[in-house]
N, C-alpha and C. Protein backbone atom coordinates (compact mmCIF):
# COMPACT_ATOMS: atom_id res chain seq x y z
N MET A 1 -15.85 145.36 39.06
CA MET A 1 -15.10 144.88 39.92
C MET A 1 -15.63 143.62 40.81
N PHE A 2 -14.76 142.47 40.95
CA PHE A 2 -15.30 141.00 40.74
C PHE A 2 -15.31 140.49 42.05
N LEU A 3 -16.14 139.69 42.44
CA LEU A 3 -15.64 138.47 43.40
C LEU A 3 -15.15 137.08 43.05
N LEU A 4 -14.43 136.98 42.72
CA LEU A 4 -14.14 135.54 42.26
C LEU A 4 -13.70 134.08 43.37
N ILE A 5 -14.33 133.57 43.36
CA ILE A 5 -15.21 132.52 44.68
C ILE A 5 -14.39 131.09 43.32
N VAL A 6 -12.74 130.56 44.48
CA VAL A 6 -12.14 129.37 43.95
C VAL A 6 -13.14 128.29 44.73
N ASN A 7 -13.32 127.32 43.65
CA ASN A 7 -14.00 126.35 44.34
C ASN A 7 -13.18 125.24 43.86
N TYR A 8 -12.74 124.06 45.04
CA TYR A 8 -11.52 123.22 44.68
C TYR A 8 -12.53 122.17 44.20
N ILE A 9 -11.81 121.34 43.84
CA ILE A 9 -12.66 120.14 42.69
C ILE A 9 -11.54 118.92 42.61
N ALA A 10 -10.53 118.99 43.59
CA ALA A 10 -9.69 118.23 43.44
C ALA A 10 -9.45 117.95 45.25
N PRO A 11 -8.65 116.32 45.80
CA PRO A 11 -8.31 116.20 47.24
C PRO A 11 -7.06 117.63 47.37
N ILE A 12 -7.38 118.25 48.52
CA ILE A 12 -6.64 119.07 49.67
C ILE A 12 -5.13 118.72 49.06
N GLU A 13 -4.70 117.60 48.99
CA GLU A 13 -3.35 117.88 49.17
C GLU A 13 -3.17 117.80 47.37
N GLU A 14 -3.83 117.77 46.54
CA GLU A 14 -3.59 117.68 45.01
C GLU A 14 -3.70 118.97 45.31
N VAL A 15 -4.57 119.54 45.21
CA VAL A 15 -4.73 121.63 46.24
C VAL A 15 -3.22 122.04 46.00
N GLU A 16 -2.73 121.74 47.45
CA GLU A 16 -1.63 121.83 48.11
C GLU A 16 -0.08 121.57 47.29
N ARG A 17 -0.46 120.60 46.87
CA ARG A 17 0.71 120.45 45.35
C ARG A 17 1.27 121.81 44.56
N LEU A 18 -0.29 122.39 44.07
CA LEU A 18 0.37 123.59 43.58
C LEU A 18 0.31 125.12 44.22
N MET A 19 -0.33 124.92 45.75
CA MET A 19 -0.33 126.01 46.09
C MET A 19 1.31 126.93 46.08
N PRO A 20 2.66 126.69 45.50
CA PRO A 20 3.26 127.67 45.17
C PRO A 20 3.57 128.41 44.04
N ASP A 21 2.68 127.44 42.69
CA ASP A 21 2.19 128.32 41.52
C ASP A 21 1.41 129.09 41.85
N HIS A 22 0.46 128.97 42.63
CA HIS A 22 -0.99 129.58 42.38
C HIS A 22 -0.16 131.15 43.31
N PHE A 23 0.74 130.75 44.19
CA PHE A 23 0.58 132.08 45.44
C PHE A 23 1.41 132.57 44.61
N ALA A 24 2.41 132.38 43.14
CA ALA A 24 2.89 133.48 42.40
C ALA A 24 2.27 133.77 41.29
N TYR A 25 1.92 132.99 40.79
CA TYR A 25 0.11 133.82 40.23
C TYR A 25 -0.45 134.84 41.02
N LEU A 26 -1.14 134.86 42.33
CA LEU A 26 -1.69 135.92 43.17
C LEU A 26 -0.36 137.12 43.36
N ALA A 27 0.86 136.85 43.77
CA ALA A 27 1.49 138.02 43.74
C ALA A 27 1.72 138.42 42.41
N ASP A 28 1.54 137.96 40.89
CA ASP A 28 2.21 139.02 39.85
C ASP A 28 0.88 140.06 39.89
N HIS A 29 -0.49 139.17 40.26
CA HIS A 29 -1.60 140.09 39.84
C HIS A 29 -1.97 140.90 40.81
N PHE A 30 -1.07 140.93 42.06
CA PHE A 30 -1.40 141.74 43.13
C PHE A 30 -0.78 143.10 42.86
N ALA A 31 0.80 142.80 41.91
CA ALA A 31 1.98 143.83 41.87
C ALA A 31 1.32 144.54 40.56
N ASP A 32 0.40 143.42 39.62
CA ASP A 32 -0.28 144.72 38.56
C ASP A 32 -1.68 145.75 38.98
N GLY A 33 -1.92 145.49 40.36
CA GLY A 33 -2.70 145.94 40.65
C GLY A 33 -4.35 145.52 40.53
N THR A 34 -4.61 144.16 40.02
CA THR A 34 -5.57 143.39 39.53
C THR A 34 -6.04 142.93 40.62
N PHE A 35 -5.12 142.02 41.66
CA PHE A 35 -6.09 141.68 42.46
C PHE A 35 -6.23 142.69 44.35
N LEU A 36 -6.78 142.56 44.58
CA LEU A 36 -7.05 143.58 45.81
C LEU A 36 -6.76 142.85 47.28
N VAL A 37 -7.14 141.97 47.25
CA VAL A 37 -7.60 140.55 48.46
C VAL A 37 -7.43 139.65 48.05
N SER A 38 -7.13 138.74 48.89
CA SER A 38 -7.32 137.35 48.68
C SER A 38 -7.46 136.55 49.83
N GLY A 39 -8.11 135.17 50.04
CA GLY A 39 -8.14 134.37 51.61
C GLY A 39 -8.76 133.01 50.93
N ARG A 40 -8.34 132.12 52.05
CA ARG A 40 -9.48 131.16 52.10
C ARG A 40 -10.85 131.27 52.69
N GLN A 41 -11.79 130.28 51.68
CA GLN A 41 -12.99 130.15 52.33
C GLN A 41 -12.76 128.94 53.96
N LYS A 42 -13.56 129.16 55.17
CA LYS A 42 -13.47 128.38 56.06
C LYS A 42 -15.27 127.86 56.24
N PRO A 43 -15.10 126.19 55.97
CA PRO A 43 -14.13 125.37 56.05
C PRO A 43 -13.50 125.77 54.74
N ARG A 44 -12.31 125.07 54.89
CA ARG A 44 -11.41 125.16 53.55
C ARG A 44 -12.12 124.05 52.22
N THR A 45 -12.40 124.86 51.64
CA THR A 45 -12.90 124.53 50.32
C THR A 45 -12.41 125.31 49.27
N GLY A 46 -11.69 126.24 49.53
CA GLY A 46 -11.98 127.25 48.16
C GLY A 46 -11.25 128.01 48.89
N GLY A 47 -11.37 129.42 48.11
CA GLY A 47 -10.93 130.49 48.44
C GLY A 47 -11.30 131.48 47.10
N PHE A 48 -11.08 133.08 47.33
CA PHE A 48 -11.52 133.85 47.05
C PHE A 48 -10.52 135.03 46.79
N ILE A 49 -11.52 135.92 46.19
CA ILE A 49 -10.20 137.18 45.30
C ILE A 49 -11.26 137.66 45.04
N VAL A 50 -10.96 139.38 45.87
CA VAL A 50 -11.56 140.56 45.21
C VAL A 50 -10.70 141.37 43.97
N ALA A 51 -11.43 141.42 42.71
CA ALA A 51 -10.71 141.85 41.59
C ALA A 51 -10.84 143.08 41.24
N ALA A 52 -10.06 144.28 40.86
CA ALA A 52 -10.80 145.67 40.19
C ALA A 52 -11.17 145.03 38.79
N GLY A 53 -11.47 146.07 38.10
CA GLY A 53 -12.10 146.42 36.86
C GLY A 53 -13.16 145.79 36.32
N ASP A 54 -12.94 146.08 34.92
CA ASP A 54 -14.59 145.78 34.82
C ASP A 54 -14.94 145.09 33.13
N ASP A 55 -14.02 144.16 33.16
CA ASP A 55 -14.21 143.59 31.66
C ASP A 55 -14.26 142.10 32.01
N ARG A 56 -15.20 142.12 32.17
CA ARG A 56 -15.76 140.02 32.79
C ARG A 56 -14.46 139.37 31.42
N ALA A 57 -14.99 139.59 30.75
CA ALA A 57 -13.88 138.94 29.27
C ALA A 57 -12.62 138.53 29.82
N ALA A 58 -12.23 139.82 30.29
CA ALA A 58 -10.72 140.07 30.64
C ALA A 58 -10.51 139.25 31.92
N VAL A 59 -11.18 138.96 32.64
CA VAL A 59 -11.30 138.34 34.29
C VAL A 59 -11.13 136.93 33.69
N GLU A 60 -12.18 136.74 33.00
CA GLU A 60 -12.09 134.92 32.72
C GLU A 60 -10.83 134.43 32.25
N ARG A 61 -10.31 135.61 31.13
CA ARG A 61 -9.22 135.08 30.36
C ARG A 61 -7.87 135.16 31.70
N LEU A 62 -8.12 135.85 32.35
CA LEU A 62 -6.57 135.55 33.72
C LEU A 62 -7.22 134.60 34.76
N ILE A 63 -8.40 134.41 34.98
CA ILE A 63 -8.34 133.35 35.89
C ILE A 63 -8.07 132.02 35.18
N ALA A 64 -8.22 131.76 33.84
CA ALA A 64 -7.78 130.85 33.03
C ALA A 64 -6.56 130.24 33.04
N THR A 65 -5.97 131.10 33.65
CA THR A 65 -4.50 131.21 33.67
C THR A 65 -3.65 130.68 35.16
N ASP A 66 -4.68 130.87 35.99
CA ASP A 66 -4.58 129.86 37.23
C ASP A 66 -3.88 128.75 37.60
N PRO A 67 -2.41 128.42 37.76
CA PRO A 67 -2.24 127.47 38.16
C PRO A 67 -3.32 126.03 38.86
N PHE A 68 -4.23 126.66 39.75
CA PHE A 68 -5.51 125.79 40.36
C PHE A 68 -6.12 125.32 39.07
N VAL A 69 -6.37 125.87 38.21
CA VAL A 69 -7.27 125.90 36.90
C VAL A 69 -6.56 124.85 36.02
N THR A 70 -5.42 125.54 35.36
CA THR A 70 -5.16 124.65 34.61
C THR A 70 -4.36 123.53 34.80
N GLY A 71 -3.99 123.15 36.74
CA GLY A 71 -3.76 121.61 36.90
C GLY A 71 -5.35 120.56 36.73
N GLY A 72 -6.17 121.23 36.85
CA GLY A 72 -7.24 120.66 37.17
C GLY A 72 -7.86 120.44 38.52
N VAL A 73 -7.76 121.70 39.67
CA VAL A 73 -7.83 121.37 40.87
C VAL A 73 -8.79 121.86 41.53
N ALA A 74 -9.46 123.09 40.56
CA ALA A 74 -10.37 124.34 40.87
C ALA A 74 -11.27 124.95 40.17
N THR A 75 -12.10 125.43 40.69
CA THR A 75 -13.01 125.90 38.68
C THR A 75 -13.13 127.45 39.73
N TYR A 76 -13.97 129.01 39.22
CA TYR A 76 -13.93 129.76 39.35
C TYR A 76 -15.08 129.84 39.13
N THR A 77 -16.41 130.55 40.37
CA THR A 77 -17.25 130.99 39.98
C THR A 77 -17.30 132.63 40.24
N VAL A 78 -17.05 133.87 39.16
CA VAL A 78 -17.10 134.98 39.01
C VAL A 78 -18.59 136.12 38.98
N LEU A 79 -18.08 136.94 40.20
CA LEU A 79 -19.25 137.56 40.36
C LEU A 79 -19.37 138.82 40.29
N GLU A 80 -19.65 139.51 39.65
CA GLU A 80 -19.36 141.12 38.70
C GLU A 80 -20.29 141.54 40.09
N ILE A 81 -19.08 142.71 40.82
CA ILE A 81 -20.11 143.15 42.18
C ILE A 81 -19.53 144.66 41.54
N GLU A 82 -20.52 145.87 42.63
CA GLU A 82 -20.60 147.44 42.33
C GLU A 82 -20.39 147.56 43.80
N PRO A 83 -19.50 148.09 44.25
CA PRO A 83 -19.57 148.40 45.52
C PRO A 83 -20.12 149.95 45.74
N THR A 84 -21.05 149.97 46.99
CA THR A 84 -21.85 151.17 46.90
C THR A 84 -21.64 151.90 48.90
N ARG A 85 -21.40 150.82 49.64
CA ARG A 85 -20.56 151.40 51.03
C ARG A 85 -19.63 151.08 51.35
N ALA A 86 -18.76 151.63 52.07
CA ALA A 86 -17.36 150.92 52.30
C ALA A 86 -16.87 152.02 53.78
N ALA A 87 -16.38 151.14 54.72
CA ALA A 87 -15.74 151.27 56.26
C ALA A 87 -14.57 152.60 55.21
N PRO A 88 -14.53 153.60 56.23
CA PRO A 88 -13.27 154.84 56.02
C PRO A 88 -12.02 154.22 55.15
N ALA A 89 -11.81 153.24 55.92
CA ALA A 89 -10.22 152.39 55.82
C ALA A 89 -10.28 151.84 54.22
N TRP A 90 -11.78 151.13 54.01
CA TRP A 90 -11.28 150.91 52.88
C TRP A 90 -11.82 152.03 51.50
N ARG A 91 -11.98 153.18 51.94
CA ARG A 91 -12.19 154.01 50.54
C ARG A 91 -10.84 154.37 49.77
N PRO A 92 -9.47 154.58 50.35
CA PRO A 92 -8.83 154.54 49.33
C PRO A 92 -8.11 153.51 48.83
N VAL A 93 -8.63 152.54 48.83
CA VAL A 93 -8.20 151.10 48.10
C VAL A 93 -9.04 150.97 47.50
N LEU A 94 -10.08 151.48 47.29
CA LEU A 94 -11.37 150.95 46.32
C LEU A 94 -11.00 152.36 45.26
N ARG A 95 -11.00 153.85 45.36
CA ARG A 95 -10.49 154.61 44.78
C ARG A 95 -9.16 154.25 43.69
N ALA A 96 -8.46 153.53 44.45
CA ALA A 96 -6.94 153.46 43.74
C ALA A 96 -7.35 152.15 42.93
N ALA A 97 -8.56 151.81 42.78
CA ALA A 97 -9.24 150.48 42.18
C ALA A 97 -10.10 151.13 41.10
N GLY A 98 -10.41 152.67 40.99
CA GLY A 98 -10.58 152.82 40.13
C GLY A 98 -12.40 153.07 40.58
N VAL A 99 -12.78 152.59 42.09
CA VAL A 99 -14.03 153.07 42.59
C VAL A 99 -14.13 153.69 43.06
N GLU A 100 -15.32 154.64 42.65
CA GLU A 100 -15.57 156.53 43.41
C GLU A 100 -17.01 155.20 43.93
N LEU A 101 -17.11 155.90 45.79
CA LEU A 101 -18.54 155.72 46.21
C LEU A 101 -18.79 157.04 46.44
N PRO A 102 -20.29 157.43 46.28
CA PRO A 102 -20.67 158.44 47.21
C PRO A 102 -21.07 158.61 48.49
N GLY A 103 -20.98 160.03 48.55
CA GLY A 103 -20.28 160.37 49.91
C GLY A 103 -19.50 160.44 50.56
């Protein structure tokens, strides 16, 4: 599982111009089960995505296709994470993403 931190490197007006394409990119990967949750950072300096999977190279290839990246308005920081605890409501989501928690 990965926590993907989106870092804006261009003025917000340039980011906004690519937002519809970025939202389509997100929708595709929510539909295929790769992305589990996403949102904005506060203050608005970027965003985040929680992604399923265990293949870092595949994740790196995937984020290279984000319109924010191809458009030169954002970079990503990729953190591989291993959930070990979760609220009861999150357990089915994590299980569906292939993560089994103890207990």
